[in-house]
Amino acid sequence: MKFKQSSVLPGFNLALGYSLLYLSLIVLLPLSALFAKTMGLDWSSFWATVTEARVVATYKVTFGASLIAALINLFVGLLIAWVLVRYPFPGKRFIDALVDLPFALPTAVAGIALATLYAPNGVLGEPLEKIGIKVAFTPLGIVLALTFITLPFVVRTVQPVLEDMEKELEEAASSLGATRWQIFSKVILPTIFPALLTGFTLAFARAIGEFGSVIFIAGNMPFKSEITPLMIISKLEQYDYMGATAIAVVMLVVSFGLLLLINGLQWWMAKRLGRRK
């Protein structure tokens, strides 16, 4: 006699219904309201608002700094994850817990701390300025803040994949005469690349919308170090709700497009690796 296996979770139909209801209330409804608010503008007014010279300058600062920060963490995050997984050393648990600090630390606190350290009279900012490097109140400060905030996304995405990797594959490649670079590029990298791409995507998406940590160290100078979230706040303070929602829609569409592109690339790579196997 076969017994039907019970589950602590509700059936598929009920679970799917609850999931769609929750996503609709938490995600789709606010986004729909954002688009509905923007419909109050005609196309020419919308285009004039989102292509204003000052607004375009904020796009360049926001997306450029976010891309640089995500690329930095792509390499640094992989290095940290590799060290935490592959090497035992004193203080390893402390370093592992330290990676999650940007998650727990309020972003405003992080911004104030970075601005204090890298200000022209700060502990790190003063010696750097003597050699001609100004960090605080420049685009470099924005990159620094975004790098700090988004580091855990790459480390925590890659770390479990490295932990699950079979070292026998590396040993087999080494016994066949492969160099360290060949082992990394032919054995390790194809395995961790989807996780790396996911971590990069999460870091980039998080950096685009960051406000608290950036606002204190950016300087907020128009056409130089002003970010798009600050421009949206400025529009709201001026009671220009249509302009704020129009800029927010552009940020949303671009972010969603980039996420969709990277997810498509992940699917293509997974399909390609599946064919090789």
C-alpha atoms as a PDB file:
ATOM      1  CA  MET A   1       0.000   0.000   0.000  1.00  0.00           C
ATOM      2  CA  LYS A   2       1.336   3.405  -0.939  1.00  0.00           C
ATOM      3  CA  PHE A   3       0.853   6.269   1.436  1.00  0.00           C
ATOM      4  CA  LYS A   4       0.570   9.798   0.172  1.00  0.00           C
ATOM      5  CA  GLN A   5       3.469  11.894   1.393  1.00  0.00           C
ATOM      6  CA  SER A   6       2.230  14.831   3.420  1.00  0.00           C
ATOM      7  CA  SER A   7       3.828  18.237   3.493  1.00  0.00           C
ATOM      8  CA  VAL A   8       3.932  20.966   6.100  1.00  0.00           C
ATOM      9  CA  LEU A   9       3.405  23.496   3.309  1.00  0.00           C
ATOM     10  CA  PRO A  10       0.043  24.091   1.564  1.00  0.00           C
ATOM     11  CA  GLY A  11      -0.697  22.633  -1.841  1.00  0.00           C
ATOM     12  CA  PHE A  12       0.627  24.124  -5.040  1.00  0.00           C
ATOM     13  CA  ASN A  13      -2.486  26.089  -5.963  1.00  0.00           C
ATOM     14  CA  LEU A  14      -2.877  27.612  -2.517  1.00  0.00           C
ATOM     15  CA  ALA A  15       0.853  28.356  -2.158  1.00  0.00           C
ATOM     16  CA  LEU A  16       0.975  29.926  -5.625  1.00  0.00           C
ATOM     17  CA  GLY A  17      -2.065  32.044  -4.848  1.00  0.00           C
ATOM     18  CA  TYR A  18      -0.574  33.370  -1.623  1.00  0.00           C
ATOM     19  CA  SER A  19       2.762  34.025  -3.344  1.00  0.00           C
ATOM     20  CA  LEU A  20       1.181  35.984  -6.193  1.00  0.00           C
ATOM     21  CA  LEU A  21      -1.026  37.933  -3.774  1.00  0.00           C
ATOM     22  CA  TYR A  22       1.960  38.859  -1.607  1.00  0.00           C
ATOM     23  CA  LEU A  23       4.105  39.890  -4.589  1.00  0.00           C
ATOM     24  CA  SER A  24       1.233  41.910  -6.029  1.00  0.00           C
ATOM     25  CA  LEU A  25       0.689  43.854  -2.800  1.00  0.00           C
ATOM     26  CA  ILE A  26       4.365  44.369  -1.932  1.00  0.00           C
ATOM     27  CA  VAL A  27       5.989  44.732  -5.373  1.00  0.00           C
ATOM     28  CA  LEU A  28       3.582  45.110  -8.289  1.00  0.00           C
ATOM     29  CA  LEU A  29       1.105  47.517  -6.693  1.00  0.00           C
ATOM     30  CA  PRO A  30       3.691  50.199  -5.721  1.00  0.00           C
ATOM     31  CA  LEU A  31       5.403  49.906  -9.110  1.00  0.00           C
ATOM     32  CA  SER A  32       2.056  50.175 -10.897  1.00  0.00           C
ATOM     33  CA  ALA A  33       1.253  53.278  -8.873  1.00  0.00           C
ATOM     34  CA  LEU A  34       4.593  54.756  -9.950  1.00  0.00           C
ATOM     35  CA  PHE A  35       3.790  54.212 -13.627  1.00  0.00           C
ATOM     36  CA  ALA A  36       0.207  55.445 -13.153  1.00  0.00           C
ATOM     37  CA  LYS A  37       1.463  58.679 -11.582  1.00  0.00           C
ATOM     38  CA  THR A  38       3.800  59.231 -14.518  1.00  0.00           C
ATOM     39  CA  MET A  39       0.886  58.888 -16.948  1.00  0.00           C
ATOM     40  CA  GLY A  40      -0.155  62.373 -15.880  1.00  0.00           C
ATOM     41  CA  LEU A  41       2.672  63.702 -18.050  1.00  0.00           C
ATOM     42  CA  ASP A  42       2.466  63.782 -21.816  1.00  0.00           C
ATOM     43  CA  TRP A  43       5.389  62.337 -23.765  1.00  0.00           C
ATOM     44  CA  SER A  44       7.085  65.656 -24.498  1.00  0.00           C
ATOM     45  CA  SER A  45       6.948  66.742 -20.845  1.00  0.00           C
ATOM     46  CA  PHE A  46       8.186  63.332 -19.697  1.00  0.00           C
ATOM     47  CA  TRP A  47      11.080  63.386 -22.161  1.00  0.00           C
ATOM     48  CA  ALA A  48      12.028  66.950 -21.252  1.00  0.00           C
ATOM     49  CA  THR A  49      12.099  66.031 -17.562  1.00  0.00           C
ATOM     50  CA  VAL A  50      14.185  62.880 -17.812  1.00  0.00           C
ATOM     51  CA  THR A  51      16.644  64.303 -20.359  1.00  0.00           C
ATOM     52  CA  GLU A  52      17.340  67.577 -18.575  1.00  0.00           C
ATOM     53  CA  ALA A  53      21.102  68.190 -18.513  1.00  0.00           C
ATOM     54  CA  ARG A  54      21.372  68.052 -14.720  1.00  0.00           C
ATOM     55  CA  VAL A  55      19.321  64.859 -14.550  1.00  0.00           C
ATOM     56  CA  VAL A  56      21.417  63.174 -17.250  1.00  0.00           C
ATOM     57  CA  ALA A  57      24.537  64.111 -15.287  1.00  0.00           C
ATOM     58  CA  THR A  58      23.123  62.301 -12.251  1.00  0.00           C
ATOM     59  CA  TYR A  59      22.496  59.196 -14.392  1.00  0.00           C
ATOM     60  CA  LYS A  60      26.150  59.176 -15.422  1.00  0.00           C
ATOM     61  CA  VAL A  61      27.361  59.534 -11.837  1.00  0.00           C
ATOM     62  CA  THR A  62      24.956  56.938 -10.418  1.00  0.00           C
ATOM     63  CA  PHE A  63      25.313  54.219 -13.036  1.00  0.00           C
ATOM     64  CA  GLY A  64      29.028  54.847 -13.572  1.00  0.00           C
ATOM     65  CA  ALA A  65      29.908  54.714  -9.877  1.00  0.00           C
ATOM     66  CA  SER A  66      27.653  51.677  -9.351  1.00  0.00           C
ATOM     67  CA  LEU A  67      29.300  49.810 -12.228  1.00  0.00           C
ATOM     68  CA  ILE A  68      32.817  50.567 -10.965  1.00  0.00           C
ATOM     69  CA  ALA A  69      31.926  49.544  -7.405  1.00  0.00           C
ATOM     70  CA  ALA A  70      30.338  46.282  -8.597  1.00  0.00           C
ATOM     71  CA  LEU A  71      33.383  45.463 -10.757  1.00  0.00           C
ATOM     72  CA  ILE A  72      35.744  46.140  -7.838  1.00  0.00           C
ATOM     73  CA  ASN A  73      33.730  43.858  -5.586  1.00  0.00           C
ATOM     74  CA  LEU A  74      33.602  41.229  -8.327  1.00  0.00           C
ATOM     75  CA  PHE A  75      37.350  40.693  -7.906  1.00  0.00           C
ATOM     76  CA  VAL A  76      37.779  41.613  -4.238  1.00  0.00           C
ATOM     77  CA  GLY A  77      34.699  39.610  -3.227  1.00  0.00           C
ATOM     78  CA  LEU A  78      36.029  36.538  -5.033  1.00  0.00           C
ATOM     79  CA  LEU A  79      39.389  36.946  -3.310  1.00  0.00           C
ATOM     80  CA  ILE A  80      37.817  37.259   0.152  1.00  0.00           C
ATOM     81  CA  ALA A  81      35.497  34.305  -0.449  1.00  0.00           C
ATOM     82  CA  TRP A  82      38.450  32.215  -1.673  1.00  0.00           C
ATOM     83  CA  VAL A  83      40.526  33.037   1.420  1.00  0.00           C
ATOM     84  CA  LEU A  84      37.650  32.300   3.794  1.00  0.00           C
ATOM     85  CA  VAL A  85      36.907  28.938   2.171  1.00  0.00           C
ATOM     86  CA  ARG A  86      40.346  27.607   1.295  1.00  0.00           C
ATOM     87  CA  TYR A  87      42.689  28.769   4.080  1.00  0.00           C
ATOM     88  CA  PRO A  88      42.563  28.314   7.866  1.00  0.00           C
ATOM     89  CA  PHE A  89      44.027  31.238   9.810  1.00  0.00           C
ATOM     90  CA  PRO A  90      43.646  32.950  13.215  1.00  0.00           C
ATOM     91  CA  GLY A  91      40.682  35.274  13.374  1.00  0.00           C
ATOM     92  CA  LYS A  92      38.912  33.631  10.446  1.00  0.00           C
ATOM     93  CA  ARG A  93      35.500  33.703  12.146  1.00  0.00           C
ATOM     94  CA  PHE A  94      35.946  37.368  13.002  1.00  0.00           C
ATOM     95  CA  ILE A  95      36.760  38.218   9.374  1.00  0.00           C
ATOM     96  CA  ASP A  96      33.829  36.118   8.198  1.00  0.00           C
ATOM     97  CA  ALA A  97      31.472  38.030  10.508  1.00  0.00           C
ATOM     98  CA  LEU A  98      33.036  41.341   9.483  1.00  0.00           C
ATOM     99  CA  VAL A  99      31.924  40.761   5.875  1.00  0.00           C
ATOM    100  CA  ASP A 100      28.295  41.065   6.966  1.00  0.00           C
ATOM    101  CA  LEU A 101      28.841  44.378   8.770  1.00  0.00           C
ATOM    102  CA  PRO A 102      27.559  46.516   5.842  1.00  0.00           C
ATOM    103  CA  PHE A 103      24.294  44.546   6.052  1.00  0.00           C
ATOM    104  CA  ALA A 104      23.785  45.361   9.729  1.00  0.00           C
ATOM    105  CA  LEU A 105      25.217  48.885   9.825  1.00  0.00           C
ATOM    106  CA  PRO A 106      22.758  51.695   9.029  1.00  0.00           C
ATOM    107  CA  THR A 107      23.796  53.232   5.738  1.00  0.00           C
ATOM    108  CA  ALA A 108      23.753  56.758   7.172  1.00  0.00           C
ATOM    109  CA  VAL A 109      26.229  55.686   9.854  1.00  0.00           C
ATOM    110  CA  ALA A 110      28.471  54.194   7.172  1.00  0.00           C
ATOM    111  CA  GLY A 111      28.317  57.419   5.179  1.00  0.00           C
ATOM    112  CA  ILE A 112      29.187  59.595   8.176  1.00  0.00           C
ATOM    113  CA  ALA A 113      32.078  57.301   9.142  1.00  0.00           C
ATOM    114  CA  LEU A 114      33.516  57.311   5.615  1.00  0.00           C
ATOM    115  CA  ALA A 115      33.116  61.073   5.277  1.00  0.00           C
ATOM    116  CA  THR A 116      34.881  61.586   8.618  1.00  0.00           C
ATOM    117  CA  LEU A 117      37.772  59.316   7.676  1.00  0.00           C
ATOM    118  CA  TYR A 118      38.284  60.639   4.155  1.00  0.00           C
ATOM    119  CA  ALA A 119      37.503  64.328   4.686  1.00  0.00           C
ATOM    120  CA  PRO A 120      40.386  66.746   3.899  1.00  0.00           C
ATOM    121  CA  ASN A 121      41.177  66.867   7.632  1.00  0.00           C
ATOM    122  CA  GLY A 122      40.383  63.202   8.287  1.00  0.00           C
ATOM    123  CA  VAL A 123      42.719  60.456   9.408  1.00  0.00           C
ATOM    124  CA  LEU A 124      42.975  58.985   5.899  1.00  0.00           C
ATOM    125  CA  GLY A 125      41.836  61.950   3.851  1.00  0.00           C
ATOM    126  CA  GLU A 126      44.564  64.341   4.964  1.00  0.00           C
ATOM    127  CA  PRO A 127      47.570  62.201   3.897  1.00  0.00           C
ATOM    128  CA  LEU A 128      45.804  61.268   0.651  1.00  0.00           C
ATOM    129  CA  GLU A 129      45.137  64.902  -0.172  1.00  0.00           C
ATOM    130  CA  LYS A 130      48.811  65.714   0.352  1.00  0.00           C
ATOM    131  CA  ILE A 131      49.662  63.419  -2.547  1.00  0.00           C
ATOM    132  CA  GLY A 132      46.893  64.847  -4.709  1.00  0.00           C
ATOM    133  CA  ILE A 133      44.102  62.315  -4.073  1.00  0.00           C
ATOM    134  CA  LYS A 134      40.825  63.789  -2.857  1.00  0.00           C
ATOM    135  CA  VAL A 135      38.234  61.216  -1.827  1.00  0.00           C
ATOM    136  CA  ALA A 136      35.460  62.905   0.143  1.00  0.00           C
ATOM    137  CA  PHE A 137      32.981  65.087  -1.764  1.00  0.00           C
ATOM    138  CA  THR A 138      34.066  63.688  -5.131  1.00  0.00           C
ATOM    139  CA  PRO A 139      32.872  60.845  -7.400  1.00  0.00           C
ATOM    140  CA  LEU A 140      35.697  58.755  -5.912  1.00  0.00           C
ATOM    141  CA  GLY A 141      33.983  59.029  -2.533  1.00  0.00           C
ATOM    142  CA  ILE A 142      30.745  57.763  -4.089  1.00  0.00           C
ATOM    143  CA  VAL A 143      32.557  54.712  -5.484  1.00  0.00           C
ATOM    144  CA  LEU A 144      34.125  54.100  -2.074  1.00  0.00           C
ATOM    145  CA  ALA A 145      30.766  54.206  -0.282  1.00  0.00           C
ATOM    146  CA  LEU A 146      29.088  51.942  -2.845  1.00  0.00           C
ATOM    147  CA  THR A 147      31.981  49.468  -2.696  1.00  0.00           C
ATOM    148  CA  PHE A 148      31.628  49.284   1.082  1.00  0.00           C
ATOM    149  CA  ILE A 149      27.860  48.753   0.949  1.00  0.00           C
ATOM    150  CA  THR A 150      27.823  46.096  -1.803  1.00  0.00           C
ATOM    151  CA  LEU A 151      30.805  43.916  -0.817  1.00  0.00           C
ATOM    152  CA  PRO A 152      28.773  41.255   1.059  1.00  0.00           C
ATOM    153  CA  PHE A 153      26.612  40.497  -1.981  1.00  0.00           C
ATOM    154  CA  VAL A 154      29.501  39.031  -3.968  1.00  0.00           C
ATOM    155  CA  VAL A 155      31.212  37.288  -1.036  1.00  0.00           C
ATOM    156  CA  ARG A 156      28.066  35.608   0.260  1.00  0.00           C
ATOM    157  CA  THR A 157      26.993  34.528  -3.231  1.00  0.00           C
ATOM    158  CA  VAL A 158      30.320  32.966  -4.215  1.00  0.00           C
ATOM    159  CA  GLN A 159      31.315  31.503  -0.837  1.00  0.00           C
ATOM    160  CA  PRO A 160      28.831  28.575  -0.702  1.00  0.00           C
ATOM    161  CA  VAL A 161      29.658  27.596  -4.291  1.00  0.00           C
ATOM    162  CA  LEU A 162      33.358  27.420  -3.450  1.00  0.00           C
ATOM    163  CA  GLU A 163      32.570  25.374  -0.356  1.00  0.00           C
ATOM    164  CA  ASP A 164      30.626  22.833  -2.439  1.00  0.00           C
ATOM    165  CA  MET A 165      33.308  22.480  -5.111  1.00  0.00           C
ATOM    166  CA  GLU A 166      35.046  19.119  -5.282  1.00  0.00           C
ATOM    167  CA  LYS A 167      38.770  19.546  -4.794  1.00  0.00           C
ATOM    168  CA  GLU A 168      39.320  16.238  -6.569  1.00  0.00           C
ATOM    169  CA  LEU A 169      38.684  17.984  -9.886  1.00  0.00           C
ATOM    170  CA  GLU A 170      41.515  20.418  -9.229  1.00  0.00           C
ATOM    171  CA  GLU A 171      43.796  17.602  -8.072  1.00  0.00           C
ATOM    172  CA  ALA A 172      42.994  15.595 -11.200  1.00  0.00           C
ATOM    173  CA  ALA A 173      43.753  18.579 -13.433  1.00  0.00           C
ATOM    174  CA  SER A 174      47.013  19.176 -11.563  1.00  0.00           C
ATOM    175  CA  SER A 175      48.034  15.521 -11.935  1.00  0.00           C
ATOM    176  CA  LEU A 176      47.467  15.833 -15.694  1.00  0.00           C
ATOM    177  CA  GLY A 177      49.978  18.673 -15.836  1.00  0.00           C
ATOM    178  CA  ALA A 178      47.659  21.707 -15.794  1.00  0.00           C
ATOM    179  CA  THR A 179      49.123  24.952 -14.485  1.00  0.00           C
ATOM    180  CA  ARG A 180      47.485  26.962 -11.716  1.00  0.00           C
ATOM    181  CA  TRP A 181      46.058  29.421 -14.214  1.00  0.00           C
ATOM    182  CA  GLN A 182      44.674  26.590 -16.367  1.00  0.00           C
ATOM    183  CA  ILE A 183      43.063  25.003 -13.306  1.00  0.00           C
ATOM    184  CA  PHE A 184      41.456  28.301 -12.365  1.00  0.00           C
ATOM    185  CA  SER A 185      40.281  29.242 -15.879  1.00  0.00           C
ATOM    186  CA  LYS A 186      39.184  25.766 -17.034  1.00  0.00           C
ATOM    187  CA  VAL A 187      37.960  24.113 -13.820  1.00  0.00           C
ATOM    188  CA  ILE A 188      37.164  26.679 -11.139  1.00  0.00           C
ATOM    189  CA  LEU A 189      35.913  29.703 -13.091  1.00  0.00           C
ATOM    190  CA  PRO A 190      33.215  27.888 -15.142  1.00  0.00           C
ATOM    191  CA  THR A 191      31.802  26.497 -11.894  1.00  0.00           C
ATOM    192  CA  ILE A 192      31.677  29.759  -9.963  1.00  0.00           C
ATOM    193  CA  PHE A 193      30.917  32.089 -12.869  1.00  0.00           C
ATOM    194  CA  PRO A 194      27.095  31.973 -12.468  1.00  0.00           C
ATOM    195  CA  ALA A 195      27.512  32.828  -8.775  1.00  0.00           C
ATOM    196  CA  LEU A 196      29.949  35.618  -9.645  1.00  0.00           C
ATOM    197  CA  LEU A 197      27.503  37.034 -12.170  1.00  0.00           C
ATOM    198  CA  THR A 198      24.672  36.842  -9.639  1.00  0.00           C
ATOM    199  CA  GLY A 199      26.766  38.609  -6.998  1.00  0.00           C
ATOM    200  CA  PHE A 200      27.748  41.295  -9.493  1.00  0.00           C
ATOM    201  CA  THR A 201      24.107  41.814 -10.455  1.00  0.00           C
ATOM    202  CA  LEU A 202      22.957  42.107  -6.851  1.00  0.00           C
ATOM    203  CA  ALA A 203      25.783  44.506  -6.017  1.00  0.00           C
ATOM    204  CA  PHE A 204      25.081  46.667  -9.061  1.00  0.00           C
ATOM    205  CA  ALA A 205      21.336  46.778  -8.430  1.00  0.00           C
ATOM    206  CA  ARG A 206      21.889  47.634  -4.757  1.00  0.00           C
ATOM    207  CA  ALA A 207      24.350  50.384  -5.594  1.00  0.00           C
ATOM    208  CA  ILE A 208      22.009  52.097  -8.063  1.00  0.00           C
ATOM    209  CA  GLY A 209      19.421  52.803  -5.385  1.00  0.00           C
ATOM    210  CA  GLU A 210      21.807  53.593  -2.522  1.00  0.00           C
ATOM    211  CA  PHE A 211      21.218  56.935  -0.818  1.00  0.00           C
ATOM    212  CA  GLY A 212      22.113  56.966   2.887  1.00  0.00           C
ATOM    213  CA  SER A 213      25.803  56.125   2.709  1.00  0.00           C
ATOM    214  CA  VAL A 214      26.450  58.237  -0.397  1.00  0.00           C
ATOM    215  CA  ILE A 215      24.745  61.464   0.586  1.00  0.00           C
ATOM    216  CA  PHE A 216      27.315  62.338   3.274  1.00  0.00           C
ATOM    217  CA  ILE A 217      30.457  61.693   1.249  1.00  0.00           C
ATOM    218  CA  ALA A 218      29.338  62.712  -2.245  1.00  0.00           C
ATOM    219  CA  GLY A 219      29.389  66.465  -1.809  1.00  0.00           C
ATOM    220  CA  ASN A 220      26.194  66.625  -3.911  1.00  0.00           C
ATOM    221  CA  MET A 221      27.626  69.076  -6.430  1.00  0.00           C
ATOM    222  CA  PRO A 222      25.457  69.401  -9.574  1.00  0.00           C
ATOM    223  CA  PHE A 223      27.069  67.985 -12.724  1.00  0.00           C
ATOM    224  CA  LYS A 224      29.884  66.488 -10.634  1.00  0.00           C
ATOM    225  CA  SER A 225      28.879  64.384  -7.638  1.00  0.00           C
ATOM    226  CA  GLU A 226      25.080  64.513  -7.533  1.00  0.00           C
ATOM    227  CA  ILE A 227      23.342  61.121  -7.622  1.00  0.00           C
ATOM    228  CA  THR A 228      19.940  60.350  -9.100  1.00  0.00           C
ATOM    229  CA  PRO A 229      18.230  59.354  -5.813  1.00  0.00           C
ATOM    230  CA  LEU A 230      19.159  62.802  -4.453  1.00  0.00           C
ATOM    231  CA  MET A 231      17.660  64.418  -7.562  1.00  0.00           C
ATOM    232  CA  ILE A 232      14.419  62.530  -6.896  1.00  0.00           C
ATOM    233  CA  ILE A 233      14.403  63.760  -3.287  1.00  0.00           C
ATOM    234  CA  SER A 234      15.042  67.315  -4.507  1.00  0.00           C
ATOM    235  CA  LYS A 235      12.081  67.094  -6.871  1.00  0.00           C
ATOM    236  CA  LEU A 236       9.851  65.886  -4.037  1.00  0.00           C
ATOM    237  CA  GLU A 237      10.990  68.721  -1.781  1.00  0.00           C
ATOM    238  CA  GLN A 238       9.999  71.121  -4.549  1.00  0.00           C
ATOM    239  CA  TYR A 239       6.578  69.406  -4.749  1.00  0.00           C
ATOM    240  CA  ASP A 240       7.386  68.325  -8.295  1.00  0.00           C
ATOM    241  CA  TYR A 241       5.862  64.882  -7.864  1.00  0.00           C
ATOM    242  CA  MET A 242       5.500  64.286 -11.591  1.00  0.00           C
ATOM    243  CA  GLY A 243       9.171  65.017 -12.215  1.00  0.00           C
ATOM    244  CA  ALA A 244      10.242  62.768  -9.319  1.00  0.00           C
ATOM    245  CA  THR A 245       8.153  59.841 -10.545  1.00  0.00           C
ATOM    246  CA  ALA A 246       9.349  60.322 -14.128  1.00  0.00           C
ATOM    247  CA  ILE A 247      13.005  60.055 -13.064  1.00  0.00           C
ATOM    248  CA  ALA A 248      12.155  57.107 -10.818  1.00  0.00           C
ATOM    249  CA  VAL A 249      10.518  55.308 -13.753  1.00  0.00           C
ATOM    250  CA  VAL A 250      13.682  55.741 -15.835  1.00  0.00           C
ATOM    251  CA  MET A 251      15.769  54.278 -13.008  1.00  0.00           C
ATOM    252  CA  LEU A 252      13.327  51.406 -12.666  1.00  0.00           C
ATOM    253  CA  VAL A 253      13.239  50.595 -16.393  1.00  0.00           C
ATOM    254  CA  VAL A 254      17.029  50.725 -16.787  1.00  0.00           C
ATOM    255  CA  SER A 255      17.618  48.631 -13.654  1.00  0.00           C
ATOM    256  CA  PHE A 256      15.041  46.038 -14.706  1.00  0.00           C
ATOM    257  CA  GLY A 257      16.500  45.898 -18.214  1.00  0.00           C
ATOM    258  CA  LEU A 258      20.004  45.283 -16.874  1.00  0.00           C
ATOM    259  CA  LEU A 259      18.764  42.590 -14.496  1.00  0.00           C
ATOM    260  CA  LEU A 260      16.837  40.930 -17.304  1.00  0.00           C
ATOM    261  CA  LEU A 261      19.903  41.026 -19.553  1.00  0.00           C
ATOM    262  CA  ILE A 262      22.166  39.462 -16.941  1.00  0.00           C
ATOM    263  CA  ASN A 263      19.566  36.804 -16.052  1.00  0.00           C
ATOM    264  CA  GLY A 264      19.324  35.955 -19.745  1.00  0.00           C
ATOM    265  CA  LEU A 265      23.096  35.633 -19.887  1.00  0.00           C
ATOM    266  CA  GLN A 266      23.012  33.308 -16.878  1.00  0.00           C
ATOM    267  CA  TRP A 267      20.372  31.144 -18.560  1.00  0.00           C
ATOM    268  CA  TRP A 268      22.393  31.015 -21.781  1.00  0.00           C
ATOM    269  CA  MET A 269      25.568  30.014 -19.950  1.00  0.00           C
ATOM    270  CA  ALA A 270      23.773  27.352 -17.911  1.00  0.00           C
ATOM    271  CA  LYS A 271      22.287  25.931 -21.111  1.00  0.00           C
ATOM    272  CA  ARG A 272      25.671  25.971 -22.802  1.00  0.00           C
ATOM    273  CA  LEU A 273      27.351  24.193 -19.880  1.00  0.00           C
ATOM    274  CA  GLY A 274      24.527  21.641 -19.858  1.00  0.00           C
ATOM    275  CA  ARG A 275      25.169  20.830 -23.519  1.00  0.00           C
ATOM    276  CA  ARG A 276      28.876  20.318 -22.825  1.00  0.00           C
ATOM    277  CA  LYS A 277      28.067  17.792 -20.136  1.00  0.00           C
END
